[in-house]
Amino acid sequence: MINDIQSKQEAKVEKRIKEFIDMEQLVFTQDKVLQRKLDNSDVPQKALMDTDTDTNVYDDENKIFNSKGCALLDTRNLVPDKLVLYYEVVYQRLTDYVPMLIILFMLKDAAKILRHQMLELRNEADVFKLLSEDSDRGRRRADLKQRLERLTQAQELISNRL
């Protein structure tokens, strides 16, 4: 049961990671991290005003922003140096995203599913049968208990004689 849950959850995590990688191939970011990286780099930035679309794009000291003040990466200005900086942002997002997926699907969700399935088993099962011990195991346990008692007595006798 645990292996089945784990396999299903692994498949979900793998699917989400592939989706994430597919999304990252769109070359898009709305945060200011990329703009800060571009500002701190030696990559020349070319001002660009987007008049072809309905998007409000404005130029503030050679920085490209959208109407919400977030850095805008225009694929027409993608030089290799900008791509390297962009993929640093992608790498950081990926290093944050993958552990969160693993924690969510492999630990939290898997534990919930396992707990739920175990409760279902308990409700469906004959509790007396589950708690009863078969005769061979009972005899073996009783035999081991007697051996332990004899060994304990022998150890006491040996330690009293020394």
Protein backbone atom coordinates (compact mmCIF):
# COMPACT_ATOMS: atom_id res chain seq x y z
CA MET A 1 0.00 0.00 0.00
CA ILE A 2 2.82 2.38 0.90
CA ASN A 3 4.66 1.61 -2.34
CA ASP A 4 1.51 2.28 -4.38
CA ILE A 5 0.96 5.62 -2.66
CA GLN A 6 4.61 6.53 -3.12
CA SER A 7 4.53 5.65 -6.83
CA LYS A 8 1.39 7.70 -7.43
CA GLN A 9 2.80 10.68 -5.56
CA GLU A 10 6.12 10.42 -7.44
CA ALA A 11 4.21 10.50 -10.72
CA LYS A 12 2.39 13.65 -9.58
CA VAL A 13 5.66 15.35 -8.58
CA GLU A 14 7.29 14.37 -11.88
CA LYS A 15 4.32 15.73 -13.83
CA ARG A 16 4.45 19.05 -11.95
CA ILE A 17 8.20 19.41 -12.49
CA LYS A 18 7.75 18.77 -16.23
CA GLU A 19 4.96 21.38 -16.29
CA PHE A 20 7.26 23.82 -14.51
CA ILE A 21 10.04 23.25 -17.04
CA ASP A 22 7.58 23.69 -19.91
CA MET A 23 6.37 26.96 -18.38
CA GLU A 24 9.93 28.21 -17.94
CA GLN A 25 10.52 27.79 -21.67
CA LEU A 26 8.07 30.65 -22.18
CA VAL A 27 10.76 33.10 -20.93
CA PHE A 28 8.58 35.19 -18.66
CA THR A 29 8.94 36.84 -15.28
CA GLN A 30 6.90 39.44 -13.44
CA ASP A 31 9.15 40.00 -10.48
CA LYS A 32 11.90 42.58 -10.09
CA VAL A 33 14.64 39.99 -9.55
CA LEU A 34 15.57 39.88 -13.24
CA GLN A 35 15.63 43.68 -13.51
CA ARG A 36 17.95 43.84 -10.47
CA LYS A 37 20.21 41.23 -12.07
CA LEU A 38 20.23 43.20 -15.31
CA ASP A 39 20.96 46.43 -13.40
CA ASN A 40 23.91 44.84 -11.61
CA SER A 41 25.33 43.21 -14.74
CA ASP A 42 27.43 44.52 -17.61
CA VAL A 43 24.74 43.59 -20.14
CA PRO A 44 23.76 46.63 -22.21
CA GLN A 45 20.05 47.39 -21.92
CA LYS A 46 18.16 48.80 -24.86
CA ALA A 47 15.07 50.87 -24.12
CA LEU A 48 11.95 49.50 -25.72
CA MET A 49 8.50 51.01 -25.90
CA ASP A 50 5.78 48.51 -26.81
CA THR A 51 3.28 50.32 -28.96
CA ASP A 52 2.12 47.24 -30.86
CA THR A 53 0.10 45.80 -27.97
CA ASP A 54 -2.36 47.04 -25.40
CA THR A 55 0.16 46.49 -22.64
CA ASN A 56 1.28 49.63 -20.86
CA VAL A 57 5.05 49.49 -21.07
CA TYR A 58 7.15 52.40 -19.95
CA ASP A 59 10.80 53.23 -19.83
CA ASP A 60 12.39 54.49 -16.61
CA GLU A 61 16.10 55.20 -16.99
CA ASN A 62 16.60 52.41 -19.53
CA LYS A 63 14.65 49.90 -17.42
CA ILE A 64 11.70 48.17 -19.06
CA PHE A 65 8.59 47.80 -16.88
CA ASN A 66 4.99 46.81 -17.42
CA SER A 67 2.10 48.81 -15.98
CA LYS A 68 2.44 47.05 -12.62
CA GLY A 69 6.07 48.13 -12.22
CA CYS A 70 7.47 44.64 -12.78
CA ALA A 71 10.48 43.94 -14.96
CA LEU A 72 9.52 42.96 -18.46
CA LEU A 73 11.71 40.67 -20.52
CA ASP A 74 11.12 41.22 -24.21
CA THR A 75 12.12 38.26 -26.36
CA ARG A 76 13.15 40.67 -29.15
CA ASN A 77 16.05 41.78 -26.96
CA LEU A 78 17.15 38.35 -25.81
CA VAL A 79 20.89 38.33 -26.14
CA PRO A 80 22.81 35.40 -24.68
CA ASP A 81 23.93 37.48 -21.69
CA LYS A 82 20.31 38.29 -20.81
CA LEU A 83 19.36 34.65 -21.18
CA VAL A 84 22.09 33.66 -18.76
CA LEU A 85 20.72 36.13 -16.22
CA TYR A 86 17.18 34.95 -16.85
CA TYR A 87 18.16 31.32 -16.33
CA GLU A 88 19.76 32.27 -13.01
CA VAL A 89 16.28 33.43 -11.98
CA VAL A 90 14.79 30.20 -13.35
CA TYR A 91 17.36 28.15 -11.44
CA GLN A 92 16.45 29.93 -8.20
CA ARG A 93 12.75 29.35 -8.81
CA LEU A 94 13.39 25.70 -9.57
CA THR A 95 15.47 25.20 -6.42
CA ASP A 96 12.58 26.65 -4.42
CA TYR A 97 9.80 24.85 -6.30
CA VAL A 98 11.08 21.26 -6.39
CA PRO A 99 11.58 20.85 -2.62
CA MET A 100 8.13 22.36 -2.03
CA LEU A 101 6.63 19.81 -4.43
CA ILE A 102 8.42 16.97 -2.72
CA ILE A 103 7.32 18.12 0.73
CA LEU A 104 3.73 18.58 -0.41
CA PHE A 105 3.23 15.43 -2.45
CA MET A 106 5.74 12.96 -1.01
CA LEU A 107 5.35 13.84 2.67
CA LYS A 108 2.14 15.70 3.48
CA ASP A 109 -0.26 14.33 0.88
CA ALA A 110 1.19 10.81 1.04
CA ALA A 111 0.77 10.81 4.84
CA LYS A 112 -2.86 11.96 4.50
CA ILE A 113 -3.60 9.29 1.89
CA LEU A 114 -1.91 6.57 3.95
CA ARG A 115 -3.75 7.62 7.12
CA HIS A 116 -7.07 7.60 5.25
CA GLN A 117 -6.43 4.18 3.71
CA MET A 118 -5.32 2.72 7.04
CA LEU A 119 -8.52 3.96 8.67
CA GLU A 120 -10.53 2.39 5.87
CA LEU A 121 -8.68 -0.89 6.41
CA ARG A 122 -9.41 -0.76 10.11
CA ASN A 123 -13.09 -0.10 9.49
CA GLU A 124 -13.38 -2.94 6.99
CA ALA A 125 -11.24 -5.48 8.82
CA ASP A 126 -12.08 -7.93 11.58
CA VAL A 127 -10.24 -6.30 14.49
CA PHE A 128 -10.24 -9.49 16.58
CA LYS A 129 -8.58 -11.39 13.74
CA LEU A 130 -5.98 -8.64 13.27
CA LEU A 131 -5.11 -8.60 16.97
CA SER A 132 -5.09 -12.36 17.48
CA GLU A 133 -1.85 -14.26 17.40
CA ASP A 134 -1.56 -17.52 15.51
CA SER A 135 -0.61 -20.58 17.56
CA ASP A 136 2.90 -21.03 16.12
CA ARG A 137 3.86 -17.45 16.89
CA GLY A 138 2.36 -17.72 20.36
CA ARG A 139 4.39 -20.83 21.14
CA ARG A 140 7.53 -19.23 19.73
CA ARG A 141 6.98 -16.08 21.81
CA ALA A 142 6.37 -18.14 25.00
CA ASP A 143 9.50 -20.23 24.31
CA LEU A 144 11.63 -17.10 23.82
CA LYS A 145 10.22 -15.57 27.00
CA GLN A 146 11.19 -18.72 29.00
CA ARG A 147 14.69 -18.67 27.49
CA LEU A 148 15.07 -15.01 28.48
CA GLU A 149 14.02 -15.81 32.05
CA ARG A 150 16.50 -18.72 32.27
CA LEU A 151 19.32 -16.56 30.86
CA THR A 152 18.50 -13.78 33.32
CA GLN A 153 18.60 -16.27 36.24
CA ALA A 154 21.88 -17.71 34.99
CA GLN A 155 23.40 -14.24 34.73
CA GLU A 156 22.32 -13.45 38.32
CA LEU A 157 23.86 -16.70 39.63
CA ILE A 158 27.12 -16.02 37.81
CA SER A 159 27.34 -12.41 39.02
CA ASN A 160 26.55 -13.48 42.67
CA ARG A 161 29.40 -16.06 42.65
CA LEU A 162 31.96 -13.52 41.43
